[in-house]
Amino acid sequence: RPKNVRDGEHVFGVAHIYASFNDTFVHVTDLTGKETITRITGGMEVKADRDESSPYAAMLAAQDVANKCKERGITALHIRLRATGGNRTKTPGPGAQSALRAL
């Protein structure tokens, strides 16, 4: 828990969710985006390569991130969701919805 926080105040972080069709990243930083607090991917949560981008893997990753944020004293998150983008698809992958719901 950060030192200069009064009771009832929220400590914010930014959850960057990157959902492609091959994997789902849930990356939490401080508000500036410079300091990484935790980063978990769907591939870190499941054994089979084909399940990396699945909603289940994304849900496990988001739950893991939420627990680590609580340990570090972060009580509220801004959420930034992104897909592959560029000249590829602008549609988020299958893990986006479940990662968002799990957070």
PDB file of N, CA and C in Angstrom:
ATOM      1  N   ARG A   1       0.848  -1.178   0.000  1.00  0.00           N
ATOM      2  CA  ARG A   1       0.000   0.000   0.000  1.00  0.00           C
ATOM      3  C   ARG A   1       0.892   1.240   0.000  1.00  0.00           C
ATOM      4  N   PRO A   2       0.694   2.163  -0.955  1.00  0.00           N
ATOM      5  CA  PRO A   2       1.509   3.379  -0.983  1.00  0.00           C
ATOM      6  C   PRO A   2       1.351   4.184   0.303  1.00  0.00           C
ATOM      7  N   LYS A   3       2.420   4.878   0.679  1.00  0.00           N
ATOM      8  CA  LYS A   3       2.475   5.530   1.989  1.00  0.00           C
ATOM      9  C   LYS A   3       1.514   6.711   2.142  1.00  0.00           C
ATOM     10  N   ASN A   4       1.443   7.585   1.128  1.00  0.00           N
ATOM     11  CA  ASN A   4       0.716   8.846   1.301  1.00  0.00           C
ATOM     12  C   ASN A   4      -0.732   8.759   0.815  1.00  0.00           C
ATOM     13  N   VAL A   5      -1.394   7.617   1.052  1.00  0.00           N
ATOM     14  CA  VAL A   5      -2.784   7.440   0.638  1.00  0.00           C
ATOM     15  C   VAL A   5      -3.666   7.402   1.873  1.00  0.00           C
ATOM     16  N   ARG A   6      -4.695   8.257   1.863  1.00  0.00           N
ATOM     17  CA  ARG A   6      -5.625   8.278   2.987  1.00  0.00           C
ATOM     18  C   ARG A   6      -6.689   7.194   2.810  1.00  0.00           C
ATOM     19  N   ASP A   7      -7.392   6.862   3.886  1.00  0.00           N
ATOM     20  CA  ASP A   7      -8.474   5.874   3.805  1.00  0.00           C
ATOM     21  C   ASP A   7      -9.563   6.368   2.863  1.00  0.00           C
ATOM     22  N   GLY A   8     -10.089   5.465   2.059  1.00  0.00           N
ATOM     23  CA  GLY A   8     -11.163   5.831   1.137  1.00  0.00           C
ATOM     24  C   GLY A   8     -10.675   6.353  -0.196  1.00  0.00           C
ATOM     25  N   GLU A   9      -9.386   6.639  -0.321  1.00  0.00           N
ATOM     26  CA  GLU A   9      -8.845   7.116  -1.598  1.00  0.00           C
ATOM     27  C   GLU A   9      -8.456   5.927  -2.460  1.00  0.00           C
ATOM     28  N   HIS A  10      -8.627   6.092  -3.774  1.00  0.00           N
ATOM     29  CA  HIS A  10      -8.241   5.036  -4.703  1.00  0.00           C
ATOM     30  C   HIS A  10      -6.847   5.295  -5.249  1.00  0.00           C
ATOM     31  N   VAL A  11      -6.106   4.228  -5.457  1.00  0.00           N
ATOM     32  CA  VAL A  11      -4.812   4.300  -6.133  1.00  0.00           C
ATOM     33  C   VAL A  11      -5.035   3.710  -7.517  1.00  0.00           C
ATOM     34  N   PHE A  12      -4.802   4.528  -8.545  1.00  0.00           N
ATOM     35  CA  PHE A  12      -5.123   4.109  -9.905  1.00  0.00           C
ATOM     36  C   PHE A  12      -3.936   3.496 -10.616  1.00  0.00           C
ATOM     37  N   GLY A  13      -4.247   2.569 -11.512  1.00  0.00           N
ATOM     38  CA  GLY A  13      -3.291   2.014 -12.457  1.00  0.00           C
ATOM     39  C   GLY A  13      -3.963   2.000 -13.812  1.00  0.00           C
ATOM     40  N   VAL A  14      -3.212   1.660 -14.853  1.00  0.00           N
ATOM     41  CA  VAL A  14      -3.777   1.551 -16.195  1.00  0.00           C
ATOM     42  C   VAL A  14      -3.606   0.113 -16.662  1.00  0.00           C
ATOM     43  N   ALA A  15      -4.712  -0.538 -17.001  1.00  0.00           N
ATOM     44  CA  ALA A  15      -4.664  -1.910 -17.520  1.00  0.00           C
ATOM     45  C   ALA A  15      -4.712  -1.845 -19.038  1.00  0.00           C
ATOM     46  N   HIS A  16      -3.612  -2.213 -19.671  1.00  0.00           N
ATOM     47  CA  HIS A  16      -3.548  -2.254 -21.131  1.00  0.00           C
ATOM     48  C   HIS A  16      -3.867  -3.689 -21.543  1.00  0.00           C
ATOM     49  N   ILE A  17      -5.019  -3.898 -22.175  1.00  0.00           N
ATOM     50  CA  ILE A  17      -5.386  -5.236 -22.651  1.00  0.00           C
ATOM     51  C   ILE A  17      -5.161  -5.263 -24.152  1.00  0.00           C
ATOM     52  N   TYR A  18      -4.271  -6.139 -24.600  1.00  0.00           N
ATOM     53  CA  TYR A  18      -3.998  -6.300 -26.029  1.00  0.00           C
ATOM     54  C   TYR A  18      -4.487  -7.680 -26.432  1.00  0.00           C
ATOM     55  N   ALA A  19      -5.561  -7.717 -27.215  1.00  0.00           N
ATOM     56  CA  ALA A  19      -6.175  -8.993 -27.580  1.00  0.00           C
ATOM     57  C   ALA A  19      -6.007  -9.232 -29.076  1.00  0.00           C
ATOM     58  N   SER A  20      -5.063 -10.093 -29.437  1.00  0.00           N
ATOM     59  CA  SER A  20      -4.909 -10.492 -30.836  1.00  0.00           C
ATOM     60  C   SER A  20      -5.547 -11.866 -30.989  1.00  0.00           C
ATOM     61  N   PHE A  21      -5.458 -12.426 -32.182  1.00  0.00           N
ATOM     62  CA  PHE A  21      -6.047 -13.748 -32.392  1.00  0.00           C
ATOM     63  C   PHE A  21      -5.085 -14.860 -31.999  1.00  0.00           C
ATOM     64  N   ASN A  22      -3.868 -14.501 -31.563  1.00  0.00           N
ATOM     65  CA  ASN A  22      -2.900 -15.505 -31.137  1.00  0.00           C
ATOM     66  C   ASN A  22      -2.632 -15.499 -29.639  1.00  0.00           C
ATOM     67  N   ASP A  23      -2.896 -14.387 -28.966  1.00  0.00           N
ATOM     68  CA  ASP A  23      -2.609 -14.290 -27.538  1.00  0.00           C
ATOM     69  C   ASP A  23      -3.343 -13.089 -26.960  1.00  0.00           C
ATOM     70  N   THR A  24      -3.444 -13.038 -25.645  1.00  0.00           N
ATOM     71  CA  THR A  24      -4.041 -11.898 -24.951  1.00  0.00           C
ATOM     72  C   THR A  24      -3.082 -11.444 -23.865  1.00  0.00           C
ATOM     73  N   PHE A  25      -2.685 -10.172 -23.907  1.00  0.00           N
ATOM     74  CA  PHE A  25      -1.796  -9.589 -22.908  1.00  0.00           C
ATOM     75  C   PHE A  25      -2.617  -8.714 -21.974  1.00  0.00           C
ATOM     76  N   VAL A  26      -2.390  -8.835 -20.672  1.00  0.00           N
ATOM     77  CA  VAL A  26      -2.967  -7.915 -19.692  1.00  0.00           C
ATOM     78  C   VAL A  26      -1.780  -7.304 -18.963  1.00  0.00           C
ATOM     79  N   HIS A  27      -1.551  -6.015 -19.204  1.00  0.00           N
ATOM     80  CA  HIS A  27      -0.339  -5.330 -18.754  1.00  0.00           C
ATOM     81  C   HIS A  27      -0.767  -4.127 -17.920  1.00  0.00           C
ATOM     82  N   VAL A  28      -0.406  -4.096 -16.650  1.00  0.00           N
ATOM     83  CA  VAL A  28      -0.794  -2.988 -15.772  1.00  0.00           C
ATOM     84  C   VAL A  28       0.417  -2.104 -15.510  1.00  0.00           C
ATOM     85  N   THR A  29       0.234  -0.798 -15.727  1.00  0.00           N
ATOM     86  CA  THR A  29       1.290   0.181 -15.475  1.00  0.00           C
ATOM     87  C   THR A  29       0.761   1.238 -14.506  1.00  0.00           C
ATOM     88  N   ASP A  30       1.663   2.139 -14.096  1.00  0.00           N
ATOM     89  CA  ASP A  30       1.199   3.301 -13.339  1.00  0.00           C
ATOM     90  C   ASP A  30       0.519   4.261 -14.327  1.00  0.00           C
ATOM     91  N   LEU A  31       0.033   5.396 -13.836  1.00  0.00           N
ATOM     92  CA  LEU A  31      -0.732   6.303 -14.696  1.00  0.00           C
ATOM     93  C   LEU A  31       0.093   6.888 -15.833  1.00  0.00           C
ATOM     94  N   THR A  32       1.407   7.012 -15.650  1.00  0.00           N
ATOM     95  CA  THR A  32       2.234   7.561 -16.725  1.00  0.00           C
ATOM     96  C   THR A  32       2.499   6.523 -17.804  1.00  0.00           C
ATOM     97  N   GLY A  33       2.392   5.247 -17.463  1.00  0.00           N
ATOM     98  CA  GLY A  33       2.669   4.186 -18.423  1.00  0.00           C
ATOM     99  C   GLY A  33       4.124   3.773 -18.451  1.00  0.00           C
ATOM    100  N   LYS A  34       4.963   4.446 -17.665  1.00  0.00           N
ATOM    101  CA  LYS A  34       6.397   4.135 -17.672  1.00  0.00           C
ATOM    102  C   LYS A  34       6.734   2.943 -16.795  1.00  0.00           C
ATOM    103  N   GLU A  35       6.081   2.848 -15.651  1.00  0.00           N
ATOM    104  CA  GLU A  35       6.419   1.825 -14.660  1.00  0.00           C
ATOM    105  C   GLU A  35       5.477   0.632 -14.795  1.00  0.00           C
ATOM    106  N   THR A  36       6.019  -0.533 -15.141  1.00  0.00           N
ATOM    107  CA  THR A  36       5.204  -1.744 -15.236  1.00  0.00           C
ATOM    108  C   THR A  36       4.982  -2.314 -13.844  1.00  0.00           C
ATOM    109  N   ILE A  37       3.727  -2.599 -13.527  1.00  0.00           N
ATOM    110  CA  ILE A  37       3.408  -3.199 -12.243  1.00  0.00           C
ATOM    111  C   ILE A  37       3.323  -4.713 -12.390  1.00  0.00           C
ATOM    112  N   THR A  38       2.602  -5.170 -13.391  1.00  0.00           N
ATOM    113  CA  THR A  38       2.559  -6.603 -13.690  1.00  0.00           C
ATOM    114  C   THR A  38       2.135  -6.801 -15.137  1.00  0.00           C
ATOM    115  N   ARG A  39       2.580  -7.896 -15.723  1.00  0.00           N
ATOM    116  CA  ARG A  39       2.201  -8.222 -17.102  1.00  0.00           C
ATOM    117  C   ARG A  39       2.038  -9.735 -17.193  1.00  0.00           C
ATOM    118  N   ILE A  40       0.842 -10.160 -17.550  1.00  0.00           N
ATOM    119  CA  ILE A  40       0.540 -11.589 -17.676  1.00  0.00           C
ATOM    120  C   ILE A  40      -0.105 -11.809 -19.044  1.00  0.00           C
ATOM    121  N   THR A  41       0.238 -12.913 -19.694  1.00  0.00           N
ATOM    122  CA  THR A  41      -0.374 -13.235 -20.981  1.00  0.00           C
ATOM    123  C   THR A  41      -1.188 -14.517 -20.845  1.00  0.00           C
ATOM    124  N   GLY A  42      -2.056 -14.741 -21.827  1.00  0.00           N
ATOM    125  CA  GLY A  42      -2.828 -15.980 -21.846  1.00  0.00           C
ATOM    126  C   GLY A  42      -1.926 -17.191 -21.971  1.00  0.00           C
ATOM    127  N   GLY A  43      -0.827 -17.043 -22.701  1.00  0.00           N
ATOM    128  CA  GLY A  43       0.110 -18.145 -22.900  1.00  0.00           C
ATOM    129  C   GLY A  43       0.841 -18.546 -21.631  1.00  0.00           C
ATOM    130  N   MET A  44       0.945 -17.625 -20.674  1.00  0.00           N
ATOM    131  CA  MET A  44       1.591 -17.946 -19.400  1.00  0.00           C
ATOM    132  C   MET A  44       0.661 -18.769 -18.510  1.00  0.00           C
ATOM    133  N   GLU A  45      -0.628 -18.773 -18.820  1.00  0.00           N
ATOM    134  CA  GLU A  45      -1.627 -19.405 -17.955  1.00  0.00           C
ATOM    135  C   GLU A  45      -2.035 -20.799 -18.410  1.00  0.00           C
ATOM    136  N   VAL A  46      -1.891 -21.105 -19.704  1.00  0.00           N
ATOM    137  CA  VAL A  46      -2.328 -22.416 -20.207  1.00  0.00           C
ATOM    138  C   VAL A  46      -1.152 -23.142 -20.838  1.00  0.00           C
ATOM    139  N   LYS A  47      -1.247 -24.467 -20.878  1.00  0.00           N
ATOM    140  CA  LYS A  47      -0.154 -25.269 -21.417  1.00  0.00           C
ATOM    141  C   LYS A  47      -0.180 -25.347 -22.945  1.00  0.00           C
ATOM    142  N   ALA A  48      -1.371 -25.550 -23.525  1.00  0.00           N
ATOM    143  CA  ALA A  48      -1.466 -25.786 -24.968  1.00  0.00           C
ATOM    144  C   ALA A  48      -1.347 -24.474 -25.745  1.00  0.00           C
ATOM    145  N   ASP A  49      -0.542 -24.468 -26.805  1.00  0.00           N
ATOM    146  CA  ASP A  49      -0.349 -23.263 -27.616  1.00  0.00           C
ATOM    147  C   ASP A  49      -1.651 -22.784 -28.242  1.00  0.00           C
ATOM    148  N   ARG A  50      -2.511 -23.721 -28.606  1.00  0.00           N
ATOM    149  CA  ARG A  50      -3.749 -23.330 -29.292  1.00  0.00           C
ATOM    150  C   ARG A  50      -4.714 -22.589 -28.368  1.00  0.00           C
ATOM    151  N   ASP A  51      -4.508 -22.693 -27.051  1.00  0.00           N
ATOM    152  CA  ASP A  51      -5.423 -22.061 -26.096  1.00  0.00           C
ATOM    153  C   ASP A  51      -4.958 -20.690 -25.619  1.00  0.00           C
ATOM    154  N   GLU A  52      -3.830 -20.188 -26.137  1.00  0.00           N
ATOM    155  CA  GLU A  52      -3.280 -18.918 -25.649  1.00  0.00           C
ATOM    156  C   GLU A  52      -4.268 -17.769 -25.783  1.00  0.00           C
ATOM    157  N   SER A  53      -5.010 -17.730 -26.892  1.00  0.00           N
ATOM    158  CA  SER A  53      -5.902 -16.595 -27.136  1.00  0.00           C
ATOM    159  C   SER A  53      -7.321 -16.858 -26.653  1.00  0.00           C
ATOM    160  N   SER A  54      -7.558 -17.998 -26.015  1.00  0.00           N
ATOM    161  CA  SER A  54      -8.926 -18.367 -25.631  1.00  0.00           C
ATOM    162  C   SER A  54      -9.454 -17.456 -24.519  1.00  0.00           C
ATOM    163  N   PRO A  55     -10.777 -17.318 -24.449  1.00  0.00           N
ATOM    164  CA  PRO A  55     -11.368 -16.519 -23.369  1.00  0.00           C
ATOM    165  C   PRO A  55     -10.990 -17.038 -21.978  1.00  0.00           C
ATOM    166  N   TYR A  56     -10.852 -18.352 -21.840  1.00  0.00           N
ATOM    167  CA  TYR A  56     -10.498 -18.928 -20.539  1.00  0.00           C
ATOM    168  C   TYR A  56      -9.102 -18.480 -20.103  1.00  0.00           C
ATOM    169  N   ALA A  57      -8.139 -18.530 -21.025  1.00  0.00           N
ATOM    170  CA  ALA A  57      -6.773 -18.099 -20.699  1.00  0.00           C
ATOM    171  C   ALA A  57      -6.752 -16.615 -20.349  1.00  0.00           C
ATOM    172  N   ALA A  58      -7.531 -15.816 -21.081  1.00  0.00           N
ATOM    173  CA  ALA A  58      -7.594 -14.377 -20.807  1.00  0.00           C
ATOM    174  C   ALA A  58      -8.193 -14.115 -19.431  1.00  0.00           C
ATOM    175  N   MET A  59      -9.205 -14.895 -19.067  1.00  0.00           N
ATOM    176  CA  MET A  59      -9.829 -14.737 -17.758  1.00  0.00           C
ATOM    177  C   MET A  59      -8.834 -15.069 -16.644  1.00  0.00           C
ATOM    178  N   LEU A  60      -8.078 -16.164 -16.813  1.00  0.00           N
ATOM    179  CA  LEU A  60      -7.070 -16.530 -15.811  1.00  0.00           C
ATOM    180  C   LEU A  60      -6.001 -15.447 -15.690  1.00  0.00           C
ATOM    181  N   ALA A  61      -5.570 -14.902 -16.836  1.00  0.00           N
ATOM    182  CA  ALA A  61      -4.555 -13.849 -16.826  1.00  0.00           C
ATOM    183  C   ALA A  61      -5.074 -12.614 -16.097  1.00  0.00           C
ATOM    184  N   ALA A  62      -6.323 -12.228 -16.371  1.00  0.00           N
ATOM    185  CA  ALA A  62      -6.898 -11.042 -15.737  1.00  0.00           C
ATOM    186  C   ALA A  62      -7.058 -11.241 -14.233  1.00  0.00           C
ATOM    187  N   GLN A  63      -7.444 -12.443 -13.809  1.00  0.00           N
ATOM    188  CA  GLN A  63      -7.572 -12.711 -12.374  1.00  0.00           C
ATOM    189  C   GLN A  63      -6.214 -12.644 -11.685  1.00  0.00           C
ATOM    190  N   ASP A  64      -5.193 -13.182 -12.348  1.00  0.00           N
ATOM    191  CA  ASP A  64      -3.833 -13.134 -11.819  1.00  0.00           C
ATOM    192  C   ASP A  64      -3.362 -11.689 -11.664  1.00  0.00           C
ATOM    193  N   VAL A  65      -3.629 -10.877 -12.690  1.00  0.00           N
ATOM    194  CA  VAL A  65      -3.252  -9.460 -12.665  1.00  0.00           C
ATOM    195  C   VAL A  65      -3.986  -8.739 -11.540  1.00  0.00           C
ATOM    196  N   ALA A  66      -5.275  -9.021 -11.376  1.00  0.00           N
ATOM    197  CA  ALA A  66      -6.057  -8.363 -10.326  1.00  0.00           C
ATOM    198  C   ALA A  66      -5.486  -8.679  -8.944  1.00  0.00           C
ATOM    199  N   ASN A  67      -5.110  -9.936  -8.723  1.00  0.00           N
ATOM    200  CA  ASN A  67      -4.525 -10.315  -7.430  1.00  0.00           C
ATOM    201  C   ASN A  67      -3.200  -9.601  -7.189  1.00  0.00           C
ATOM    202  N   LYS A  68      -2.358  -9.503  -8.224  1.00  0.00           N
ATOM    203  CA  LYS A  68      -1.072  -8.826  -8.062  1.00  0.00           C
ATOM    204  C   LYS A  68      -1.257  -7.333  -7.818  1.00  0.00           C
ATOM    205  N   CYS A  69      -2.275  -6.738  -8.451  1.00  0.00           N
ATOM    206  CA  CYS A  69      -2.556  -5.319  -8.225  1.00  0.00           C
ATOM    207  C   CYS A  69      -2.988  -5.075  -6.785  1.00  0.00           C
ATOM    208  N   LYS A  70      -3.812  -5.972  -6.255  1.00  0.00           N
ATOM    209  CA  LYS A  70      -4.246  -5.832  -4.865  1.00  0.00           C
ATOM    210  C   LYS A  70      -3.053  -5.910  -3.921  1.00  0.00           C
ATOM    211  N   GLU A  71      -2.127  -6.832  -4.216  1.00  0.00           N
ATOM    212  CA  GLU A  71      -0.918  -6.952  -3.391  1.00  0.00           C
ATOM    213  C   GLU A  71      -0.103  -5.669  -3.406  1.00  0.00           C
ATOM    214  N   ARG A  72      -0.038  -5.015  -4.573  1.00  0.00           N
ATOM    215  CA  ARG A  72       0.756  -3.795  -4.709  1.00  0.00           C
ATOM    216  C   ARG A  72       0.014  -2.546  -4.239  1.00  0.00           C
ATOM    217  N   GLY A  73      -1.268  -2.676  -3.863  1.00  0.00           N
ATOM    218  CA  GLY A  73      -2.006  -1.543  -3.319  1.00  0.00           C
ATOM    219  C   GLY A  73      -2.795  -0.754  -4.339  1.00  0.00           C
ATOM    220  N   ILE A  74      -2.952  -1.269  -5.543  1.00  0.00           N
ATOM    221  CA  ILE A  74      -3.745  -0.569  -6.559  1.00  0.00           C
ATOM    222  C   ILE A  74      -5.200  -0.973  -6.382  1.00  0.00           C
ATOM    223  N   THR A  75      -6.071   0.028  -6.236  1.00  0.00           N
ATOM    224  CA  THR A  75      -7.470  -0.260  -5.935  1.00  0.00           C
ATOM    225  C   THR A  75      -8.402   0.059  -7.089  1.00  0.00           C
ATOM    226  N   ALA A  76      -7.926   0.747  -8.127  1.00  0.00           N
ATOM    227  CA  ALA A  76      -8.785   1.096  -9.263  1.00  0.00           C
ATOM    228  C   ALA A  76      -7.950   1.072 -10.539  1.00  0.00           C
ATOM    229  N   LEU A  77      -8.600   0.707 -11.645  1.00  0.00           N
ATOM    230  CA  LEU A  77      -7.887   0.601 -12.921  1.00  0.00           C
ATOM    231  C   LEU A  77      -8.615   1.363 -14.016  1.00  0.00           C
ATOM    232  N   HIS A  78      -7.851   2.111 -14.809  1.00  0.00           N
ATOM    233  CA  HIS A  78      -8.341   2.593 -16.101  1.00  0.00           C
ATOM    234  C   HIS A  78      -8.039   1.472 -17.079  1.00  0.00           C
ATOM    235  N   ILE A  79      -8.945   1.201 -18.009  1.00  0.00           N
ATOM    236  CA  ILE A  79      -8.729   0.081 -18.924  1.00  0.00           C
ATOM    237  C   ILE A  79      -8.581   0.591 -20.348  1.00  0.00           C
ATOM    238  N   ARG A  80      -7.496   0.174 -21.001  1.00  0.00           N
ATOM    239  CA  ARG A  80      -7.263   0.494 -22.409  1.00  0.00           C
ATOM    240  C   ARG A  80      -7.245  -0.825 -23.172  1.00  0.00           C
ATOM    241  N   LEU A  81      -8.162  -0.964 -24.108  1.00  0.00           N
ATOM    242  CA  LEU A  81      -8.293  -2.202 -24.873  1.00  0.00           C
ATOM    243  C   LEU A  81      -7.811  -1.945 -26.287  1.00  0.00           C
ATOM    244  N   ARG A  82      -6.978  -2.850 -26.808  1.00  0.00           N
ATOM    245  CA  ARG A  82      -6.529  -2.661 -28.177  1.00  0.00           C
ATOM    246  C   ARG A  82      -6.457  -3.973 -28.919  1.00  0.00           C
ATOM    247  N   ALA A  83      -6.669  -3.882 -30.232  1.00  0.00           N
ATOM    248  CA  ALA A  83      -6.576  -5.042 -31.117  1.00  0.00           C
ATOM    249  C   ALA A  83      -5.249  -4.955 -31.862  1.00  0.00           C
ATOM    250  N   THR A  84      -5.066  -5.808 -32.855  1.00  0.00           N
ATOM    251  CA  THR A  84      -3.814  -5.814 -33.600  1.00  0.00           C
ATOM    252  C   THR A  84      -3.612  -4.482 -34.313  1.00  0.00           C
ATOM    253  N   GLY A  85      -4.623  -4.027 -35.060  1.00  0.00           N
ATOM    254  CA  GLY A  85      -4.576  -2.710 -35.690  1.00  0.00           C
ATOM    255  C   GLY A  85      -3.577  -2.619 -36.821  1.00  0.00           C
ATOM    256  N   GLY A  86      -3.236  -1.388 -37.203  1.00  0.00           N
ATOM    257  CA  GLY A  86      -2.351  -1.181 -38.349  1.00  0.00           C
ATOM    258  C   GLY A  86      -3.074  -1.592 -39.617  1.00  0.00           C
ATOM    259  N   ASN A  87      -2.398  -2.371 -40.468  1.00  0.00           N
ATOM    260  CA  ASN A  87      -3.078  -2.852 -41.670  1.00  0.00           C
ATOM    261  C   ASN A  87      -3.720  -4.218 -41.442  1.00  0.00           C
ATOM    262  N   ARG A  88      -3.739  -4.667 -40.204  1.00  0.00           N
ATOM    263  CA  ARG A  88      -4.433  -5.904 -39.847  1.00  0.00           C
ATOM    264  C   ARG A  88      -5.798  -5.562 -39.259  1.00  0.00           C
ATOM    265  N   THR A  89      -6.429  -6.543 -38.642  1.00  0.00           N
ATOM    266  CA  THR A  89      -7.803  -6.352 -38.168  1.00  0.00           C
ATOM    267  C   THR A  89      -7.878  -5.370 -36.995  1.00  0.00           C
ATOM    268  N   LYS A  90      -8.957  -4.616 -36.966  1.00  0.00           N
ATOM    269  CA  LYS A  90      -9.195  -3.692 -35.862  1.00  0.00           C
ATOM    270  C   LYS A  90     -10.163  -4.298 -34.848  1.00  0.00           C
ATOM    271  N   THR A  91     -10.524  -5.557 -35.054  1.00  0.00           N
ATOM    272  CA  THR A  91     -11.417  -6.272 -34.138  1.00  0.00           C
ATOM    273  C   THR A  91     -10.590  -6.950 -33.051  1.00  0.00           C
ATOM    274  N   PRO A  92     -10.897  -6.703 -31.775  1.00  0.00           N
ATOM    275  CA  PRO A  92     -10.153  -7.393 -30.714  1.00  0.00           C
ATOM    276  C   PRO A  92     -10.358  -8.902 -30.790  1.00  0.00           C
ATOM    277  N   GLY A  93      -9.397  -9.648 -30.290  1.00  0.00           N
ATOM    278  CA  GLY A  93      -9.445 -11.104 -30.325  1.00  0.00           C
ATOM    279  C   GLY A  93     -10.449 -11.676 -29.337  1.00  0.00           C
ATOM    280  N   PRO A  94     -10.552 -13.004 -29.295  1.00  0.00           N
ATOM    281  CA  PRO A  94     -11.561 -13.665 -28.463  1.00  0.00           C
ATOM    282  C   PRO A  94     -11.371 -13.461 -26.961  1.00  0.00           C
ATOM    283  N   GLY A  95     -10.168 -13.122 -26.516  1.00  0.00           N
ATOM    284  CA  GLY A  95      -9.927 -12.985 -25.087  1.00  0.00           C
ATOM    285  C   GLY A  95     -10.288 -11.630 -24.509  1.00  0.00           C
ATOM    286  N   ALA A  96     -10.598 -10.655 -25.368  1.00  0.00           N
ATOM    287  CA  ALA A  96     -10.815  -9.285 -24.894  1.00  0.00           C
ATOM    288  C   ALA A  96     -11.997  -9.188 -23.937  1.00  0.00           C
ATOM    289  N   GLN A  97     -13.122  -9.764 -24.340  1.00  0.00           N
ATOM    290  CA  GLN A  97     -14.348  -9.641 -23.554  1.00  0.00           C
ATOM    291  C   GLN A  97     -14.187 -10.274 -22.175  1.00  0.00           C
ATOM    292  N   SER A  98     -13.616 -11.468 -22.132  1.00  0.00           N
ATOM    293  CA  SER A  98     -13.521 -12.164 -20.849  1.00  0.00           C
ATOM    294  C   SER A  98     -12.461 -11.543 -19.949  1.00  0.00           C
ATOM    295  N   ALA A  99     -11.388 -11.005 -20.527  1.00  0.00           N
ATOM    296  CA  ALA A  99     -10.376 -10.326 -19.711  1.00  0.00           C
ATOM    297  C   ALA A  99     -10.976  -9.083 -19.069  1.00  0.00           C
ATOM    298  N   LEU A 100     -11.752  -8.349 -19.858  1.00  0.00           N
ATOM    299  CA  LEU A 100     -12.403  -7.137 -19.361  1.00  0.00           C
ATOM    300  C   LEU A 100     -13.387  -7.482 -18.245  1.00  0.00           C
ATOM    301  N   ARG A 101     -14.173  -8.525 -18.450  1.00  0.00           N
ATOM    302  CA  ARG A 101     -15.171  -8.917 -17.456  1.00  0.00           C
ATOM    303  C   ARG A 101     -14.502  -9.416 -16.175  1.00  0.00           C
ATOM    304  N   ALA A 102     -13.394 -10.148 -16.323  1.00  0.00           N
ATOM    305  CA  ALA A 102     -12.709 -10.689 -15.146  1.00  0.00           C
ATOM    306  C   ALA A 102     -12.075  -9.580 -14.308  1.00  0.00           C
ATOM    307  N   LEU A 103     -11.595  -8.525 -14.963  1.00  0.00           N
ATOM    308  CA  LEU A 103     -11.019  -7.405 -14.207  1.00  0.00           C
ATOM    309  C   LEU A 103     -12.112  -6.660 -13.466  1.00  0.00           C
TER     310      LEU A 103
END
